[in-house]
Amino acid sequence: MLSSALTFAIACFALALLLNLWRLATAPSMPDRILTVDTMVINIIALIVLYGAQTGTTTGLDIAMLLAMTGFVSTIAFCKFLLRGGIIE
């Protein structure tokens, strides 16, 4: 039962990732694209964690944590670039 639930969840997040790719291609402005990329990072983190739960490995949690920190910093950097025109002051 757990295996089928994990497979269903992986399929749902994969579909959400594909829809995010479509939104990235059709987004009208740069802030929309930044939010789309941030949402894609969250979906990829979810896929990594679900795959780790399905296979029974703990390495996926470390990778997901590193990706979460990188995604957060990159989102902040993109937003700061849009607001001020530069990242480093």
PDB file of N, CA and C in Angstrom:
ATOM      1  N   MET A   1       0.815  -1.195   0.000  1.00  0.00           N
ATOM      2  CA  MET A   1       0.000   0.000   0.000  1.00  0.00           C
ATOM      3  C   MET A   1       0.862   1.263   0.000  1.00  0.00           C
ATOM      4  N   LEU A   2       1.916   1.250   0.813  1.00  0.00           N
ATOM      5  CA  LEU A   2       2.794   2.410   0.883  1.00  0.00           C
ATOM      6  C   LEU A   2       3.536   2.617  -0.437  1.00  0.00           C
ATOM      7  N   SER A   3       3.907   1.533  -1.068  1.00  0.00           N
ATOM      8  CA  SER A   3       4.616   1.628  -2.342  1.00  0.00           C
ATOM      9  C   SER A   3       3.743   2.286  -3.413  1.00  0.00           C
ATOM     10  N   SER A   4       2.485   1.906  -3.470  1.00  0.00           N
ATOM     11  CA  SER A   4       1.594   2.508  -4.466  1.00  0.00           C
ATOM     12  C   SER A   4       1.307   3.981  -4.137  1.00  0.00           C
ATOM     13  N   ALA A   5       1.225   4.319  -2.865  1.00  0.00           N
ATOM     14  CA  ALA A   5       1.005   5.719  -2.483  1.00  0.00           C
ATOM     15  C   ALA A   5       2.226   6.570  -2.847  1.00  0.00           C
ATOM     16  N   LEU A   6       3.427   6.035  -2.627  1.00  0.00           N
ATOM     17  CA  LEU A   6       4.631   6.772  -3.000  1.00  0.00           C
ATOM     18  C   LEU A   6       4.740   6.931  -4.516  1.00  0.00           C
ATOM     19  N   THR A   7       4.372   5.901  -5.251  1.00  0.00           N
ATOM     20  CA  THR A   7       4.393   5.987  -6.712  1.00  0.00           C
ATOM     21  C   THR A   7       3.400   7.030  -7.211  1.00  0.00           C
ATOM     22  N   PHE A   8       2.225   7.072  -6.615  1.00  0.00           N
ATOM     23  CA  PHE A   8       1.221   8.068  -6.980  1.00  0.00           C
ATOM     24  C   PHE A   8       1.713   9.477  -6.659  1.00  0.00           C
ATOM     25  N   ALA A   9       2.340   9.644  -5.496  1.00  0.00           N
ATOM     26  CA  ALA A   9       2.847  10.966  -5.114  1.00  0.00           C
ATOM     27  C   ALA A   9       3.971  11.415  -6.049  1.00  0.00           C
ATOM     28  N   ILE A  10       4.846  10.486  -6.431  1.00  0.00           N
ATOM     29  CA  ILE A  10       5.919  10.822  -7.371  1.00  0.00           C
ATOM     30  C   ILE A  10       5.328  11.241  -8.710  1.00  0.00           C
ATOM     31  N   ALA A  11       4.303  10.538  -9.164  1.00  0.00           N
ATOM     32  CA  ALA A  11       3.661  10.899 -10.435  1.00  0.00           C
ATOM     33  C   ALA A  11       3.008  12.277 -10.349  1.00  0.00           C
ATOM     34  N   CYS A  12       2.387  12.583  -9.236  1.00  0.00           N
ATOM     35  CA  CYS A  12       1.749  13.899  -9.077  1.00  0.00           C
ATOM     36  C   CYS A  12       2.773  15.026  -9.077  1.00  0.00           C
ATOM     37  N   PHE A  13       3.891  14.838  -8.365  1.00  0.00           N
ATOM     38  CA  PHE A  13       4.917  15.877  -8.341  1.00  0.00           C
ATOM     39  C   PHE A  13       5.622  15.995  -9.686  1.00  0.00           C
ATOM     40  N   ALA A  14       5.766  14.892 -10.404  1.00  0.00           N
ATOM     41  CA  ALA A  14       6.354  14.957 -11.744  1.00  0.00           C
ATOM     42  C   ALA A  14       5.433  15.729 -12.691  1.00  0.00           C
ATOM     43  N   LEU A  15       4.134  15.506 -12.579  1.00  0.00           N
ATOM     44  CA  LEU A  15       3.179  16.269 -13.384  1.00  0.00           C
ATOM     45  C   LEU A  15       3.225  17.753 -13.020  1.00  0.00           C
ATOM     46  N   ALA A  16       3.339  18.056 -11.735  1.00  0.00           N
ATOM     47  CA  ALA A  16       3.445  19.446 -11.303  1.00  0.00           C
ATOM     48  C   ALA A  16       4.713  20.089 -11.846  1.00  0.00           C
ATOM     49  N   LEU A  17       5.792  19.316 -11.922  1.00  0.00           N
ATOM     50  CA  LEU A  17       7.033  19.841 -12.479  1.00  0.00           C
ATOM     51  C   LEU A  17       6.890  20.140 -13.970  1.00  0.00           C
ATOM     52  N   LEU A  18       6.184  19.288 -14.681  1.00  0.00           N
ATOM     53  CA  LEU A  18       5.944  19.547 -16.105  1.00  0.00           C
ATOM     54  C   LEU A  18       5.070  20.788 -16.304  1.00  0.00           C
ATOM     55  N   LEU A  19       4.073  20.955 -15.457  1.00  0.00           N
ATOM     56  CA  LEU A  19       3.233  22.148 -15.546  1.00  0.00           C
ATOM     57  C   LEU A  19       4.020  23.410 -15.197  1.00  0.00           C
ATOM     58  N   ASN A  20       4.976  23.282 -14.280  1.00  0.00           N
ATOM     59  CA  ASN A  20       5.843  24.417 -13.971  1.00  0.00           C
ATOM     60  C   ASN A  20       6.725  24.778 -15.158  1.00  0.00           C
ATOM     61  N   LEU A  21       7.201  23.773 -15.876  1.00  0.00           N
ATOM     62  CA  LEU A  21       7.991  24.055 -17.073  1.00  0.00           C
ATOM     63  C   LEU A  21       7.163  24.809 -18.111  1.00  0.00           C
ATOM     64  N   TRP A  22       5.903  24.427 -18.246  1.00  0.00           N
ATOM     65  CA  TRP A  22       5.013  25.137 -19.169  1.00  0.00           C
ATOM     66  C   TRP A  22       4.811  26.582 -18.701  1.00  0.00           C
ATOM     67  N   ARG A  23       4.627  26.772 -17.406  1.00  0.00           N
ATOM     68  CA  ARG A  23       4.440  28.122 -16.864  1.00  0.00           C
ATOM     69  C   ARG A  23       5.709  28.953 -17.048  1.00  0.00           C
ATOM     70  N   LEU A  24       6.861  28.325 -16.924  1.00  0.00           N
ATOM     71  CA  LEU A  24       8.117  29.040 -17.115  1.00  0.00           C
ATOM     72  C   LEU A  24       8.235  29.556 -18.548  1.00  0.00           C
ATOM     73  N   ALA A  25       7.757  28.774 -19.493  1.00  0.00           N
ATOM     74  CA  ALA A  25       7.840  29.180 -20.898  1.00  0.00           C
ATOM     75  C   ALA A  25       6.824  30.263 -21.242  1.00  0.00           C
ATOM     76  N   THR A  26       5.707  30.315 -20.537  1.00  0.00           N
ATOM     77  CA  THR A  26       4.643  31.254 -20.883  1.00  0.00           C
ATOM     78  C   THR A  26       4.459  32.387 -19.879  1.00  0.00           C
ATOM     79  N   ALA A  27       5.357  32.524 -18.918  1.00  0.00           N
ATOM     80  CA  ALA A  27       5.199  33.562 -17.895  1.00  0.00           C
ATOM     81  C   ALA A  27       5.378  34.944 -18.525  1.00  0.00           C
ATOM     82  N   PRO A  28       4.509  35.885 -18.173  1.00  0.00           N
ATOM     83  CA  PRO A  28       4.570  37.197 -18.813  1.00  0.00           C
ATOM     84  C   PRO A  28       5.675  38.110 -18.278  1.00  0.00           C
ATOM     85  N   SER A  29       6.127  37.897 -17.054  1.00  0.00           N
ATOM     86  CA  SER A  29       7.120  38.812 -16.485  1.00  0.00           C
ATOM     87  C   SER A  29       8.200  38.037 -15.737  1.00  0.00           C
ATOM     88  N   MET A  30       9.275  38.734 -15.407  1.00  0.00           N
ATOM     89  CA  MET A  30      10.399  38.105 -14.724  1.00  0.00           C
ATOM     90  C   MET A  30      10.056  37.655 -13.296  1.00  0.00           C
ATOM     91  N   PRO A  31       9.299  38.409 -12.497  1.00  0.00           N
ATOM     92  CA  PRO A  31       8.935  37.896 -11.176  1.00  0.00           C
ATOM     93  C   PRO A  31       8.125  36.592 -11.238  1.00  0.00           C
ATOM     94  N   ASP A  32       7.272  36.452 -12.252  1.00  0.00           N
ATOM     95  CA  ASP A  32       6.540  35.204 -12.422  1.00  0.00           C
ATOM     96  C   ASP A  32       7.489  34.050 -12.705  1.00  0.00           C
ATOM     97  N   ARG A  33       8.518  34.303 -13.484  1.00  0.00           N
ATOM     98  CA  ARG A  33       9.490  33.256 -13.792  1.00  0.00           C
ATOM     99  C   ARG A  33      10.304  32.874 -12.560  1.00  0.00           C
ATOM    100  N   ILE A  34      10.632  33.870 -11.735  1.00  0.00           N
ATOM    101  CA  ILE A  34      11.380  33.578 -10.505  1.00  0.00           C
ATOM    102  C   ILE A  34      10.547  32.712  -9.572  1.00  0.00           C
ATOM    103  N   LEU A  35       9.277  33.038  -9.408  1.00  0.00           N
ATOM    104  CA  LEU A  35       8.403  32.222  -8.566  1.00  0.00           C
ATOM    105  C   LEU A  35       8.228  30.818  -9.137  1.00  0.00           C
ATOM    106  N   THR A  36       8.190  30.714 -10.454  1.00  0.00           N
ATOM    107  CA  THR A  36       8.059  29.407 -11.088  1.00  0.00           C
ATOM    108  C   THR A  36       9.296  28.555 -10.833  1.00  0.00           C
ATOM    109  N   VAL A  37      10.472  29.153 -10.949  1.00  0.00           N
ATOM    110  CA  VAL A  37      11.701  28.406 -10.681  1.00  0.00           C
ATOM    111  C   VAL A  37      11.763  27.990  -9.217  1.00  0.00           C
ATOM    112  N   ASP A  38      11.327  28.852  -8.307  1.00  0.00           N
ATOM    113  CA  ASP A  38      11.298  28.498  -6.890  1.00  0.00           C
ATOM    114  C   ASP A  38      10.335  27.335  -6.639  1.00  0.00           C
ATOM    115  N   THR A  39       9.205  27.344  -7.295  1.00  0.00           N
ATOM    116  CA  THR A  39       8.249  26.244  -7.166  1.00  0.00           C
ATOM    117  C   THR A  39       8.819  24.957  -7.756  1.00  0.00           C
ATOM    118  N   MET A  40       9.576  25.088  -8.837  1.00  0.00           N
ATOM    119  CA  MET A  40      10.211  23.905  -9.422  1.00  0.00           C
ATOM    120  C   MET A  40      11.235  23.303  -8.462  1.00  0.00           C
ATOM    121  N   VAL A  41      11.972  24.155  -7.766  1.00  0.00           N
ATOM    122  CA  VAL A  41      12.935  23.651  -6.774  1.00  0.00           C
ATOM    123  C   VAL A  41      12.208  22.891  -5.671  1.00  0.00           C
ATOM    124  N   ILE A  42      11.083  23.407  -5.231  1.00  0.00           N
ATOM    125  CA  ILE A  42      10.309  22.726  -4.188  1.00  0.00           C
ATOM    126  C   ILE A  42       9.793  21.383  -4.689  1.00  0.00           C
ATOM    127  N   ASN A  43       9.340  21.334  -5.926  1.00  0.00           N
ATOM    128  CA  ASN A  43       8.872  20.060  -6.494  1.00  0.00           C
ATOM    129  C   ASN A  43      10.007  19.058  -6.650  1.00  0.00           C
ATOM    130  N   ILE A  44      11.173  19.519  -7.044  1.00  0.00           N
ATOM    131  CA  ILE A  44      12.322  18.618  -7.170  1.00  0.00           C
ATOM    132  C   ILE A  44      12.738  18.093  -5.805  1.00  0.00           C
ATOM    133  N   ILE A  45      12.696  18.942  -4.789  1.00  0.00           N
ATOM    134  CA  ILE A  45      13.001  18.490  -3.427  1.00  0.00           C
ATOM    135  C   ILE A  45      12.012  17.408  -3.005  1.00  0.00           C
ATOM    136  N   ALA A  46      10.748  17.617  -3.291  1.00  0.00           N
ATOM    137  CA  ALA A  46       9.733  16.618  -2.944  1.00  0.00           C
ATOM    138  C   ALA A  46       9.982  15.301  -3.681  1.00  0.00           C
ATOM    139  N   LEU A  47      10.357  15.379  -4.950  1.00  0.00           N
ATOM    140  CA  LEU A  47      10.655  14.162  -5.707  1.00  0.00           C
ATOM    141  C   LEU A  47      11.856  13.422  -5.124  1.00  0.00           C
ATOM    142  N   ILE A  48      12.889  14.158  -4.724  1.00  0.00           N
ATOM    143  CA  ILE A  48      14.063  13.517  -4.134  1.00  0.00           C
ATOM    144  C   ILE A  48      13.716  12.834  -2.822  1.00  0.00           C
ATOM    145  N   VAL A  49      12.941  13.501  -1.982  1.00  0.00           N
ATOM    146  CA  VAL A  49      12.554  12.915  -0.693  1.00  0.00           C
ATOM    147  C   VAL A  49      11.656  11.694  -0.896  1.00  0.00           C
ATOM    148  N   LEU A  50      10.717  11.780  -1.808  1.00  0.00           N
ATOM    149  CA  LEU A  50       9.835  10.635  -2.068  1.00  0.00           C
ATOM    150  C   LEU A  50      10.601   9.463  -2.655  1.00  0.00           C
ATOM    151  N   TYR A  51      11.552   9.742  -3.551  1.00  0.00           N
ATOM    152  CA  TYR A  51      12.369   8.662  -4.107  1.00  0.00           C
ATOM    153  C   TYR A  51      13.222   8.016  -3.020  1.00  0.00           C
ATOM    154  N   GLY A  52      13.763   8.837  -2.120  1.00  0.00           N
ATOM    155  CA  GLY A  52      14.524   8.295  -0.995  1.00  0.00           C
ATOM    156  C   GLY A  52      13.663   7.446  -0.080  1.00  0.00           C
ATOM    157  N   ALA A  53      12.429   7.844   0.136  1.00  0.00           N
ATOM    158  CA  ALA A  53      11.522   7.047   0.960  1.00  0.00           C
ATOM    159  C   ALA A  53      11.154   5.743   0.265  1.00  0.00           C
ATOM    160  N   GLN A  54      11.038   5.789  -1.053  1.00  0.00           N
ATOM    161  CA  GLN A  54      10.679   4.584  -1.796  1.00  0.00           C
ATOM    162  C   GLN A  54      11.825   3.578  -1.831  1.00  0.00           C
ATOM    163  N   THR A  55      13.050   4.068  -1.960  1.00  0.00           N
ATOM    164  CA  THR A  55      14.193   3.166  -2.023  1.00  0.00           C
ATOM    165  C   THR A  55      14.767   2.832  -0.654  1.00  0.00           C
ATOM    166  N   GLY A  56      14.436   3.614   0.349  1.00  0.00           N
ATOM    167  CA  GLY A  56      14.909   3.343   1.698  1.00  0.00           C
ATOM    168  C   GLY A  56      16.297   3.883   1.991  1.00  0.00           C
ATOM    169  N   THR A  57      16.767   4.841   1.213  1.00  0.00           N
ATOM    170  CA  THR A  57      18.078   5.444   1.452  1.00  0.00           C
ATOM    171  C   THR A  57      17.923   6.790   2.141  1.00  0.00           C
ATOM    172  N   THR A  58      18.960   7.172   2.873  1.00  0.00           N
ATOM    173  CA  THR A  58      18.924   8.457   3.576  1.00  0.00           C
ATOM    174  C   THR A  58      19.752   9.523   2.859  1.00  0.00           C
ATOM    175  N   THR A  59      20.431   9.150   1.800  1.00  0.00           N
ATOM    176  CA  THR A  59      21.246  10.114   1.065  1.00  0.00           C
ATOM    177  C   THR A  59      20.375  11.193   0.425  1.00  0.00           C
ATOM    178  N   GLY A  60      19.181  10.835   0.023  1.00  0.00           N
ATOM    179  CA  GLY A  60      18.282  11.794  -0.600  1.00  0.00           C
ATOM    180  C   GLY A  60      17.925  12.948   0.315  1.00  0.00           C
ATOM    181  N   LEU A  61      17.877  12.717   1.609  1.00  0.00           N
ATOM    182  CA  LEU A  61      17.553  13.794   2.546  1.00  0.00           C
ATOM    183  C   LEU A  61      18.672  14.828   2.596  1.00  0.00           C
ATOM    184  N   ASP A  62      19.923  14.367   2.548  1.00  0.00           N
ATOM    185  CA  ASP A  62      21.044  15.306   2.524  1.00  0.00           C
ATOM    186  C   ASP A  62      21.045  16.127   1.243  1.00  0.00           C
ATOM    187  N   ILE A  63      20.790  15.467   0.139  1.00  0.00           N
ATOM    188  CA  ILE A  63      20.742  16.167  -1.148  1.00  0.00           C
ATOM    189  C   ILE A  63      19.586  17.165  -1.165  1.00  0.00           C
ATOM    190  N   ALA A  64      18.443  16.773  -0.631  1.00  0.00           N
ATOM    191  CA  ALA A  64      17.275  17.667  -0.586  1.00  0.00           C
ATOM    192  C   ALA A  64      17.550  18.885   0.287  1.00  0.00           C
ATOM    193  N   MET A  65      18.257  18.694   1.382  1.00  0.00           N
ATOM    194  CA  MET A  65      18.586  19.825   2.262  1.00  0.00           C
ATOM    195  C   MET A  65      19.530  20.801   1.563  1.00  0.00           C
ATOM    196  N   LEU A  66      20.533  20.286   0.873  1.00  0.00           N
ATOM    197  CA  LEU A  66      21.444  21.158   0.133  1.00  0.00           C
ATOM    198  C   LEU A  66      20.722  21.904  -0.990  1.00  0.00           C
ATOM    199  N   LEU A  67      19.837  21.213  -1.690  1.00  0.00           N
ATOM    200  CA  LEU A  67      19.071  21.856  -2.749  1.00  0.00           C
ATOM    201  C   LEU A  67      18.127  22.919  -2.191  1.00  0.00           C
ATOM    202  N   ALA A  68      17.555  22.670  -1.025  1.00  0.00           N
ATOM    203  CA  ALA A  68      16.666  23.663  -0.412  1.00  0.00           C
ATOM    204  C   ALA A  68      17.431  24.925  -0.044  1.00  0.00           C
ATOM    205  N   MET A  69      18.613  24.762   0.517  1.00  0.00           N
ATOM    206  CA  MET A  69      19.410  25.942   0.872  1.00  0.00           C
ATOM    207  C   MET A  69      19.858  26.702  -0.373  1.00  0.00           C
ATOM    208  N   THR A  70      20.272  25.980  -1.404  1.00  0.00           N
ATOM    209  CA  THR A  70      20.690  26.622  -2.647  1.00  0.00           C
ATOM    210  C   THR A  70      19.518  27.330  -3.318  1.00  0.00           C
ATOM    211  N   GLY A  71      18.356  26.694  -3.323  1.00  0.00           N
ATOM    212  CA  GLY A  71      17.169  27.311  -3.915  1.00  0.00           C
ATOM    213  C   GLY A  71      16.755  28.580  -3.195  1.00  0.00           C
ATOM    214  N   PHE A  72      16.859  28.574  -1.875  1.00  0.00           N
ATOM    215  CA  PHE A  72      16.501  29.763  -1.104  1.00  0.00           C
ATOM    216  C   PHE A  72      17.445  30.910  -1.420  1.00  0.00           C
ATOM    217  N   VAL A  73      18.734  30.641  -1.422  1.00  0.00           N
ATOM    218  CA  VAL A  73      19.720  31.692  -1.689  1.00  0.00           C
ATOM    219  C   VAL A  73      19.572  32.221  -3.114  1.00  0.00           C
ATOM    220  N   SER A  74      19.324  31.337  -4.077  1.00  0.00           N
ATOM    221  CA  SER A  74      19.186  31.797  -5.456  1.00  0.00           C
ATOM    222  C   SER A  74      17.925  32.639  -5.647  1.00  0.00           C
ATOM    223  N   THR A  75      16.845  32.285  -4.979  1.00  0.00           N
ATOM    224  CA  THR A  75      15.627  33.099  -5.069  1.00  0.00           C
ATOM    225  C   THR A  75      15.850  34.487  -4.497  1.00  0.00           C
ATOM    226  N   ILE A  76      16.524  34.565  -3.369  1.00  0.00           N
ATOM    227  CA  ILE A  76      16.832  35.865  -2.770  1.00  0.00           C
ATOM    228  C   ILE A  76      17.736  36.674  -3.690  1.00  0.00           C
ATOM    229  N   ALA A  77      18.722  36.018  -4.296  1.00  0.00           N
ATOM    230  CA  ALA A  77      19.645  36.726  -5.191  1.00  0.00           C
ATOM    231  C   ALA A  77      18.914  37.254  -6.431  1.00  0.00           C
ATOM    232  N   PHE A  78      18.035  36.428  -7.016  1.00  0.00           N
ATOM    233  CA  PHE A  78      17.265  36.881  -8.176  1.00  0.00           C
ATOM    234  C   PHE A  78      16.392  38.079  -7.831  1.00  0.00           C
ATOM    235  N   CYS A  79      15.722  38.019  -6.695  1.00  0.00           N
ATOM    236  CA  CYS A  79      14.841  39.118  -6.298  1.00  0.00           C
ATOM    237  C   CYS A  79      15.636  40.391  -6.019  1.00  0.00           C
ATOM    238  N   LYS A  80      16.785  40.239  -5.364  1.00  0.00           N
ATOM    239  CA  LYS A  80      17.615  41.407  -5.100  1.00  0.00           C
ATOM    240  C   LYS A  80      18.134  42.006  -6.402  1.00  0.00           C
ATOM    241  N   PHE A  81      18.453  41.169  -7.370  1.00  0.00           N
ATOM    242  CA  PHE A  81      18.901  41.653  -8.665  1.00  0.00           C
ATOM    243  C   PHE A  81      17.794  42.434  -9.369  1.00  0.00           C
ATOM    244  N   LEU A  82      16.561  41.947  -9.289  1.00  0.00           N
ATOM    245  CA  LEU A  82      15.458  42.666  -9.927  1.00  0.00           C
ATOM    246  C   LEU A  82      15.173  44.004  -9.248  1.00  0.00           C
ATOM    247  N   LEU A  83      15.296  44.046  -7.934  1.00  0.00           N
ATOM    248  CA  LEU A  83      14.979  45.275  -7.220  1.00  0.00           C
ATOM    249  C   LEU A  83      16.073  46.332  -7.363  1.00  0.00           C
ATOM    250  N   ARG A  84      17.335  45.915  -7.275  1.00  0.00           N
ATOM    251  CA  ARG A  84      18.418  46.887  -7.220  1.00  0.00           C
ATOM    252  C   ARG A  84      19.331  46.890  -8.435  1.00  0.00           C
ATOM    253  N   GLY A  85      19.212  45.900  -9.309  1.00  0.00           N
ATOM    254  CA  GLY A  85      20.062  45.859 -10.486  1.00  0.00           C
ATOM    255  C   GLY A  85      21.419  45.237 -10.247  1.00  0.00           C
ATOM    256  N   GLY A  86      21.681  44.807  -9.038  1.00  0.00           N
ATOM    257  CA  GLY A  86      22.958  44.174  -8.709  1.00  0.00           C
ATOM    258  C   GLY A  86      22.798  43.305  -7.483  1.00  0.00           C
ATOM    259  N   ILE A  87      23.656  42.326  -7.358  1.00  0.00           N
ATOM    260  CA  ILE A  87      23.563  41.435  -6.203  1.00  0.00           C
ATOM    261  C   ILE A  87      24.500  41.875  -5.092  1.00  0.00           C
ATOM    262  N   ILE A  88      25.724  42.233  -5.451  1.00  0.00           N
ATOM    263  CA  ILE A  88      26.722  42.639  -4.466  1.00  0.00           C
ATOM    264  C   ILE A  88      26.803  44.150  -4.451  1.00  0.00           C
ATOM    265  N   GLU A  89      26.740  44.710  -3.258  1.00  0.00           N
ATOM    266  CA  GLU A  89      26.783  46.177  -3.121  1.00  0.00           C
ATOM    267  C   GLU A  89      28.123  46.636  -2.621  1.00  0.00           C
TER     268      GLU A  89
END
